[in-house]
Amino acid sequence: MAQDVLHSVPSAAKFLGGISAWTVRSWLSQGRLRRTKIGSRTMIRQSELERFLAECEEAQATPLKRLS
């Protein structure tokens, strides 16, 4: 099994396309992203970031249902 790369919050923000680290922290507190604690540090697994991106892409590809 391949090892999963761990990203810091700023590194995760950069991986997600250069968004704000504050946005990543907000998504962590909302539960949209899962954190991995290493001592007192908050880290995010690359596989979690890839899951999040795939989920976002899927949501964009799914057309919204119109309310009648």
Protein backbone atom coordinates (compact mmCIF):
# COMPACT_ATOMS: atom_id res chain seq x y z
CA MET A 1 0.00 0.00 0.00
CA ALA A 2 1.39 3.41 -0.99
CA GLN A 3 1.93 6.00 1.69
CA ASP A 4 -0.44 8.94 1.72
CA VAL A 5 1.16 12.41 1.57
CA LEU A 6 0.16 14.72 4.41
CA HIS A 7 -0.47 18.40 3.68
CA SER A 8 -0.47 21.30 6.10
CA VAL A 9 -3.42 23.70 5.85
CA PRO A 10 -1.48 26.17 3.63
CA SER A 11 -0.20 23.31 1.46
CA ALA A 12 -3.73 21.90 1.13
CA ALA A 13 -4.99 25.35 0.12
CA LYS A 14 -2.36 25.49 -2.60
CA PHE A 15 -3.18 21.93 -3.74
CA LEU A 16 -6.86 22.90 -4.02
CA GLY A 17 -6.03 25.61 -6.53
CA GLY A 18 -4.60 28.43 -4.46
CA ILE A 19 -7.61 29.09 -2.26
CA SER A 20 -7.30 30.78 1.11
CA ALA A 21 -6.01 28.79 4.09
CA TRP A 22 -8.96 30.32 5.97
CA THR A 23 -11.33 28.61 3.54
CA VAL A 24 -9.64 25.25 4.21
CA ARG A 25 -9.92 25.84 7.97
CA SER A 26 -13.59 26.69 7.54
CA TRP A 27 -14.23 23.49 5.56
CA LEU A 28 -12.42 21.51 8.29
CA SER A 29 -14.62 23.02 11.00
CA GLN A 30 -17.76 22.35 8.90
CA GLY A 31 -16.71 18.72 8.38
CA ARG A 32 -16.43 19.07 4.61
CA LEU A 33 -12.76 18.02 4.88
CA ARG A 34 -11.39 15.45 7.34
CA ARG A 35 -8.30 16.33 9.34
CA THR A 36 -5.49 14.13 10.62
CA LYS A 37 -3.89 15.34 13.85
CA ILE A 38 -0.13 14.85 14.23
CA GLY A 39 0.60 16.05 17.75
CA SER A 40 -0.89 19.53 17.81
CA ARG A 41 -0.66 19.99 14.03
CA THR A 42 -3.64 19.67 11.71
CA MET A 43 -2.72 17.80 8.55
CA ILE A 44 -4.86 16.69 5.61
CA ARG A 45 -4.18 13.52 3.65
CA GLN A 46 -3.76 13.92 -0.09
CA SER A 47 -6.32 11.15 -0.63
CA GLU A 48 -8.82 13.27 1.35
CA LEU A 49 -8.10 16.29 -0.87
CA GLU A 50 -8.55 14.14 -3.99
CA ARG A 51 -11.84 12.77 -2.60
CA PHE A 52 -13.03 16.31 -1.91
CA LEU A 53 -12.12 17.47 -5.43
CA ALA A 54 -13.88 14.47 -7.00
CA GLU A 55 -16.97 15.18 -4.89
CA CYS A 56 -16.97 18.82 -6.00
CA GLU A 57 -16.55 17.85 -9.66
CA GLU A 58 -19.41 15.37 -9.36
CA ALA A 59 -21.66 18.02 -7.81
CA GLN A 60 -20.89 20.42 -10.67
CA ALA A 61 -21.62 17.74 -13.30
CA THR A 62 -24.99 16.85 -11.77
CA PRO A 63 -27.74 19.15 -13.09
CA LEU A 64 -29.95 20.74 -10.47
CA LYS A 65 -33.58 19.66 -10.36
CA ARG A 66 -36.03 22.45 -10.98
CA LEU A 67 -38.74 23.02 -8.45
CA SER A 68 -42.22 23.03 -9.97
